[in-house]
Amino acid sequence: MNNARSLTQGALMLSIYLVLLLITIYIPVLSIIANLFLVLPFLLYSAKFPIKKSILLFFSSIILTAVVGTIVSIPLTILYGATGLAMGICINLHKSKVYTYIVSSFVFLASLLIEYIGASVFFNMNFIDDFLKMTRKSFQQSVDLMSKLGQPVDSRLLDSFDTMISLVKILMPSLLVSTSFILVFIFIQINFPIARRFKIDVPAFRPFRQMQLPKSLLWYYLITVIFTLTLGKLNGNFVNTALLNIAFMLQFLMLLQGISLVLFISHSRNIPKPVPIAGLIIIAILFFPALYMVSVLGVLDLGFNIRQRFQQKP
């Protein structure tokens, strides 16, 4: 009876996944939405059934993808299938949501890196270099067009663009890590409520406003910033690259701490939740550098425990 049920559920999950995958590949407008739910079939199945059967479902999905989809769809299946599998197995083992989030993020990141290395070794494809080359080419075409129209581009802008490209290349490890954690967080926020409707006991996060990073991170952040400032210009050596990536990740954590503080203060003052969220989104879109001030709030919160001062006020 259990085997029949697992086979039926597996066939259903594979069918749902293939539909979502085909939408992702062939329907441009809906692909963004469908992409957010690709982990769901694997999550639902592995949360209910043993690990061996979940792994069998994963490999079956790769085989079906190779038959039904294109060569591009196989990496997608590996990436989202492994991540959904990690989420479901953690739920099956009754792990906390933070544990599930961290494990799933690292599985997503590891899958991404393995596929990147595989594409470089076996197909001589370097997606990062290709992307940067394409960006440079597009920018150069814009510069040439402006010159033909009699509006030459300032040399300082060209230097700034070159510096930005160099910085992106140096910070690529941090960008991959942060992107993986952000995407998995989005997947969890979207798919866990759906899983809960299927009577799966998914764990819950504490409210984001209660997030409190270890105070030791503040010292790591300050030390890293000091060392980074003493390096001078970007030179691409190992020490420079490592410090810049560490500084970027710590800066990102300070930003999260600052956002948590803003939400905490808003909650303590009975401000409707959408107001601070909308304000942060508007700042990020219209005046992105202002987010640096939010990071400063995070640093001050870790150093002086600002939220405790607001709690003490009537």
Protein backbone atom coordinates (compact mmCIF):
# COMPACT_ATOMS: atom_id res chain seq x y z
CA MET A 1 0.00 0.00 0.00
CA ASN A 2 2.78 2.43 0.93
CA ASN A 3 4.73 1.56 -2.23
CA ALA A 4 1.67 2.18 -4.39
CA ARG A 5 1.06 5.50 -2.66
CA SER A 6 4.70 6.59 -3.07
CA LEU A 7 4.64 5.63 -6.77
CA THR A 8 1.39 7.53 -7.34
CA GLN A 9 2.63 10.59 -5.49
CA GLY A 10 5.97 10.41 -7.30
CA ALA A 11 4.30 10.27 -10.72
CA LEU A 12 2.10 13.22 -9.76
CA MET A 13 5.04 15.28 -8.52
CA LEU A 14 7.04 14.51 -11.67
CA SER A 15 4.11 15.58 -13.84
CA ILE A 16 3.74 18.86 -11.95
CA TYR A 17 7.47 19.51 -12.17
CA LEU A 18 7.61 18.86 -15.92
CA VAL A 19 4.72 21.27 -16.50
CA LEU A 20 6.47 23.97 -14.46
CA LEU A 21 9.75 23.27 -16.25
CA LEU A 22 8.19 23.53 -19.72
CA ILE A 23 6.54 26.83 -18.73
CA THR A 24 9.92 28.08 -17.47
CA ILE A 25 11.64 27.16 -20.73
CA TYR A 26 9.06 28.05 -23.38
CA ILE A 27 6.80 30.81 -21.97
CA PRO A 28 8.90 33.93 -21.28
CA VAL A 29 6.31 35.94 -19.31
CA LEU A 30 5.23 33.11 -17.02
CA SER A 31 8.73 31.65 -16.71
CA ILE A 32 9.66 34.03 -13.86
CA ILE A 33 6.64 32.91 -11.83
CA ALA A 34 7.00 29.20 -12.64
CA ASN A 35 10.69 29.38 -11.73
CA LEU A 36 9.74 30.17 -8.12
CA PHE A 37 7.82 26.90 -7.75
CA LEU A 38 10.26 24.44 -9.33
CA VAL A 39 11.44 23.24 -5.90
CA LEU A 40 7.87 22.55 -4.71
CA PRO A 41 7.30 19.03 -6.15
CA PHE A 42 10.58 17.78 -4.67
CA LEU A 43 9.86 19.49 -1.36
CA LEU A 44 6.38 17.97 -1.05
CA TYR A 45 7.53 14.45 -1.90
CA SER A 46 10.72 14.29 0.17
CA ALA A 47 8.92 15.76 3.20
CA LYS A 48 6.53 12.78 3.21
CA PHE A 49 8.55 9.82 1.98
CA PRO A 50 11.90 8.21 2.90
CA ILE A 51 15.19 9.63 1.62
CA LYS A 52 15.89 6.69 -0.74
CA LYS A 53 12.59 7.19 -2.56
CA SER A 54 13.16 10.94 -2.70
CA ILE A 55 16.58 10.43 -4.30
CA LEU A 56 14.98 8.04 -6.80
CA LEU A 57 12.45 10.77 -7.66
CA PHE A 58 15.33 13.21 -8.19
CA PHE A 59 17.17 10.96 -10.65
CA SER A 60 13.91 10.10 -12.40
CA SER A 61 13.26 13.81 -12.93
CA ILE A 62 16.71 14.21 -14.54
CA ILE A 63 16.01 11.34 -16.95
CA LEU A 64 12.56 12.71 -17.87
CA THR A 65 14.00 16.19 -18.30
CA ALA A 66 16.57 14.86 -20.76
CA VAL A 67 13.76 13.21 -22.75
CA VAL A 68 11.18 15.99 -22.66
CA GLY A 69 13.24 19.17 -22.30
CA THR A 70 16.43 20.58 -23.76
CA ILE A 71 20.09 20.36 -22.74
CA VAL A 72 19.65 23.63 -20.79
CA SER A 73 16.84 22.16 -18.70
CA ILE A 74 19.02 19.40 -17.16
CA PRO A 75 21.11 21.85 -15.07
CA LEU A 76 17.85 23.51 -13.97
CA THR A 77 16.50 20.17 -12.76
CA ILE A 78 19.71 19.38 -10.88
CA LEU A 79 19.77 22.84 -9.28
CA TYR A 80 16.13 23.07 -8.20
CA GLY A 81 15.68 19.35 -7.61
CA ALA A 82 18.62 19.13 -5.21
CA THR A 83 17.46 22.27 -3.37
CA GLY A 84 13.87 21.04 -3.05
CA LEU A 85 15.17 17.66 -1.92
CA ALA A 86 17.29 19.31 0.79
CA MET A 87 14.29 21.31 2.03
CA GLY A 88 12.00 18.28 2.13
CA ILE A 89 14.51 15.99 3.83
CA CYS A 90 15.19 18.61 6.53
CA ILE A 91 11.43 18.90 7.11
CA ASN A 92 11.14 15.11 7.20
CA LEU A 93 13.87 15.00 9.85
CA HIS A 94 12.09 17.75 11.85
CA LYS A 95 14.95 20.25 11.58
CA SER A 96 14.48 23.92 12.42
CA LYS A 97 13.69 26.45 9.70
CA VAL A 98 17.07 28.16 10.12
CA TYR A 99 18.85 24.80 9.73
CA THR A 100 16.70 23.99 6.68
CA TYR A 101 17.43 27.41 5.20
CA ILE A 102 21.21 27.16 5.66
CA VAL A 103 21.46 23.59 4.34
CA SER A 104 19.24 24.35 1.34
CA SER A 105 21.23 27.51 0.54
CA PHE A 106 24.52 25.63 0.57
CA VAL A 107 23.04 22.84 -1.57
CA PHE A 108 21.84 25.46 -4.07
CA LEU A 109 25.28 27.12 -4.05
CA ALA A 110 27.14 23.80 -4.39
CA SER A 111 24.93 22.75 -7.31
CA LEU A 112 25.54 26.11 -8.97
CA LEU A 113 29.32 25.81 -8.56
CA ILE A 114 29.41 22.20 -9.78
CA GLU A 115 27.45 23.15 -12.90
CA TYR A 116 29.69 26.16 -13.50
CA ILE A 117 32.85 24.05 -13.18
CA GLY A 118 31.33 21.34 -15.37
CA ALA A 119 30.45 23.85 -18.09
CA SER A 120 33.99 25.29 -17.95
CA VAL A 121 35.77 21.92 -18.05
CA PHE A 122 33.62 19.92 -20.46
CA PHE A 123 32.11 22.61 -22.72
CA ASN A 124 34.72 25.36 -22.41
CA MET A 125 31.99 27.79 -21.34
CA ASN A 126 32.63 30.49 -18.74
CA PHE A 127 29.30 32.17 -17.99
CA ILE A 128 30.82 34.84 -15.76
CA ASP A 129 33.45 35.96 -18.29
CA ASP A 130 30.90 35.80 -21.10
CA PHE A 131 28.50 37.98 -19.11
CA LEU A 132 31.19 40.55 -18.33
CA LYS A 133 32.37 40.61 -21.95
CA MET A 134 28.79 41.11 -23.13
CA THR A 135 28.34 43.94 -20.62
CA ARG A 136 31.54 45.64 -21.81
CA LYS A 137 30.46 45.24 -25.44
CA SER A 138 27.03 46.76 -24.79
CA PHE A 139 28.56 49.67 -22.90
CA GLN A 140 31.12 50.28 -25.66
CA GLN A 141 28.36 50.27 -28.28
CA SER A 142 26.49 52.90 -26.25
CA VAL A 143 29.67 54.99 -26.00
CA ASP A 144 30.25 54.74 -29.78
CA LEU A 145 26.64 55.73 -30.47
CA MET A 146 26.93 58.79 -28.19
CA SER A 147 30.17 59.80 -29.96
CA LYS A 148 28.49 59.57 -33.38
CA LEU A 149 25.69 61.81 -32.11
CA GLY A 150 28.25 64.42 -31.10
CA GLN A 151 28.04 63.79 -27.36
CA PRO A 152 31.34 62.20 -26.29
CA VAL A 153 31.30 60.34 -22.98
CA ASP A 154 33.39 61.71 -20.11
CA SER A 155 36.57 59.69 -19.55
CA ARG A 156 35.77 59.58 -15.82
CA LEU A 157 32.61 57.61 -16.61
CA LEU A 158 34.68 55.11 -18.63
CA ASP A 159 37.11 54.73 -15.73
CA SER A 160 34.21 54.22 -13.30
CA PHE A 161 32.75 51.54 -15.54
CA ASP A 162 36.08 49.70 -15.77
CA THR A 163 36.42 49.87 -11.99
CA MET A 164 32.89 48.52 -11.56
CA ILE A 165 33.57 45.56 -13.89
CA SER A 166 36.81 44.78 -12.01
CA LEU A 167 34.98 44.97 -8.68
CA VAL A 168 32.19 42.68 -9.89
CA LYS A 169 34.76 40.11 -11.00
CA ILE A 170 36.57 40.26 -7.66
CA LEU A 171 33.31 40.07 -5.67
CA MET A 172 31.86 37.23 -7.74
CA PRO A 173 32.30 34.61 -4.93
CA SER A 174 30.36 36.82 -2.50
CA LEU A 175 27.74 37.62 -5.13
CA LEU A 176 27.17 33.92 -5.76
CA VAL A 177 26.85 33.19 -2.04
CA SER A 178 24.51 36.11 -1.32
CA THR A 179 22.42 35.37 -4.43
CA SER A 180 22.04 31.73 -3.36
CA PHE A 181 20.90 32.67 0.14
CA ILE A 182 18.50 35.34 -1.15
CA LEU A 183 16.92 33.04 -3.75
CA VAL A 184 16.50 30.15 -1.30
CA PHE A 185 14.93 32.55 1.21
CA ILE A 186 12.43 33.58 -1.48
CA PHE A 187 11.73 29.92 -2.34
CA ILE A 188 11.07 29.13 1.32
CA GLN A 189 8.78 32.12 1.83
CA ILE A 190 6.72 31.17 -1.22
CA ASN A 191 6.67 27.36 -1.07
CA PHE A 192 6.47 26.63 2.68
CA PRO A 193 2.96 28.14 3.05
CA ILE A 194 1.83 25.97 0.12
CA ALA A 195 3.40 22.90 1.74
CA ARG A 196 1.56 23.76 4.96
CA ARG A 197 -1.75 23.61 3.06
CA PHE A 198 -0.84 20.03 2.11
CA LYS A 199 -0.68 19.23 5.84
CA ILE A 200 3.11 19.16 5.96
CA ASP A 201 4.49 20.32 9.29
CA VAL A 202 6.92 22.95 8.04
CA PRO A 203 8.96 24.90 10.63
CA ALA A 204 8.50 28.63 11.10
CA PHE A 205 10.96 31.50 11.31
CA ARG A 206 10.96 33.97 14.17
CA PRO A 207 9.81 37.41 13.00
CA PHE A 208 12.60 39.09 11.01
CA ARG A 209 12.45 42.13 13.33
CA GLN A 210 13.77 39.90 16.14
CA MET A 211 16.91 38.94 14.22
CA GLN A 212 20.04 39.69 16.25
CA LEU A 213 23.46 38.87 14.85
CA PRO A 214 26.33 37.92 17.18
CA LYS A 215 28.12 41.01 18.47
CA SER A 216 31.47 39.47 17.54
CA LEU A 217 30.58 40.10 13.87
CA LEU A 218 30.89 43.82 14.55
CA TRP A 219 34.59 43.44 15.44
CA TYR A 220 35.19 41.23 12.41
CA TYR A 221 33.49 43.85 10.26
CA LEU A 222 35.52 46.77 11.64
CA ILE A 223 38.83 44.89 11.36
CA THR A 224 38.04 43.82 7.79
CA VAL A 225 37.06 47.35 6.76
CA ILE A 226 40.31 48.76 8.19
CA PHE A 227 42.42 46.20 6.34
CA THR A 228 40.43 46.74 3.14
CA LEU A 229 40.94 50.51 3.26
CA THR A 230 44.70 50.04 3.60
CA LEU A 231 44.90 48.01 0.38
CA GLY A 232 44.42 50.97 -1.91
CA LYS A 233 43.44 50.23 -5.51
CA LEU A 234 42.08 46.91 -6.71
CA ASN A 235 44.91 44.66 -7.78
CA GLY A 236 43.22 41.27 -7.93
CA ASN A 237 45.72 39.39 -5.75
CA PHE A 238 44.51 36.69 -3.35
CA VAL A 239 44.63 38.78 -0.16
CA ASN A 240 42.85 41.70 -1.82
CA THR A 241 40.16 39.46 -3.27
CA ALA A 242 39.61 37.56 -0.01
CA LEU A 243 39.33 40.72 2.11
CA LEU A 244 36.97 42.45 -0.32
CA ASN A 245 34.69 39.41 -0.40
CA ILE A 246 34.69 39.11 3.39
CA ALA A 247 33.97 42.83 3.71
CA PHE A 248 31.13 42.55 1.20
CA MET A 249 29.49 39.66 3.06
CA LEU A 250 29.85 41.39 6.43
CA GLN A 251 28.44 44.60 4.92
CA PHE A 252 25.48 42.57 3.67
CA LEU A 253 24.92 41.14 7.17
CA MET A 254 25.05 44.67 8.64
CA LEU A 255 22.41 45.68 6.09
CA LEU A 256 20.17 42.82 7.25
CA GLN A 257 20.71 43.88 10.87
CA GLY A 258 19.77 47.45 9.95
CA ILE A 259 16.60 46.34 8.15
CA SER A 260 15.71 44.22 11.20
CA LEU A 261 16.16 47.31 13.41
CA VAL A 262 13.93 49.46 11.18
CA LEU A 263 11.18 46.81 11.30
CA PHE A 264 11.61 46.45 15.08
CA ILE A 265 11.27 50.20 15.68
CA SER A 266 8.24 50.37 13.37
CA HIS A 267 6.60 47.48 15.24
CA SER A 268 7.33 49.02 18.63
CA ARG A 269 5.67 52.27 17.46
CA ASN A 270 2.65 50.41 16.02
CA ILE A 271 3.46 51.53 12.49
CA PRO A 272 1.72 49.27 9.91
CA LYS A 273 4.14 46.64 8.60
CA PRO A 274 3.80 47.59 4.89
CA VAL A 275 5.00 51.17 5.59
CA PRO A 276 8.67 50.44 6.48
CA ILE A 277 8.86 47.66 3.87
CA ALA A 278 7.55 50.01 1.16
CA GLY A 279 9.96 52.72 2.33
CA LEU A 280 12.96 50.38 2.12
CA ILE A 281 11.93 49.21 -1.36
CA ILE A 282 11.54 52.80 -2.58
CA ILE A 283 14.95 53.71 -1.16
CA ALA A 284 16.55 50.68 -2.82
CA ILE A 285 15.01 51.57 -6.20
CA LEU A 286 15.29 55.36 -6.25
CA PHE A 287 18.34 56.01 -4.12
CA PHE A 288 20.31 52.80 -3.66
CA PRO A 289 23.34 54.42 -1.90
CA ALA A 290 21.01 55.36 0.98
CA LEU A 291 20.96 51.68 1.93
CA TYR A 292 24.46 52.30 3.28
CA MET A 293 22.82 54.32 6.07
CA VAL A 294 20.67 51.29 6.89
CA SER A 295 23.92 49.29 7.22
CA VAL A 296 25.22 51.96 9.59
CA LEU A 297 22.07 51.48 11.69
CA GLY A 298 22.89 47.78 11.83
CA VAL A 299 26.42 48.54 13.04
CA LEU A 300 25.08 50.91 15.71
CA ASP A 301 22.48 48.36 16.79
CA LEU A 302 25.15 45.71 17.32
CA GLY A 303 27.46 48.15 19.10
CA PHE A 304 24.97 50.05 21.28
CA ASN A 305 21.85 47.82 21.30
CA ILE A 306 19.58 50.56 19.99
CA ARG A 307 16.47 48.39 20.04
CA GLN A 308 16.74 48.00 23.81
CA ARG A 309 16.54 51.80 24.15
CA PHE A 310 13.29 51.80 22.16
CA GLN A 311 11.90 49.01 24.30
CA GLN A 312 12.51 51.07 27.43
CA LYS A 313 10.53 54.02 26.09
CA PRO A 314 6.83 54.11 27.01
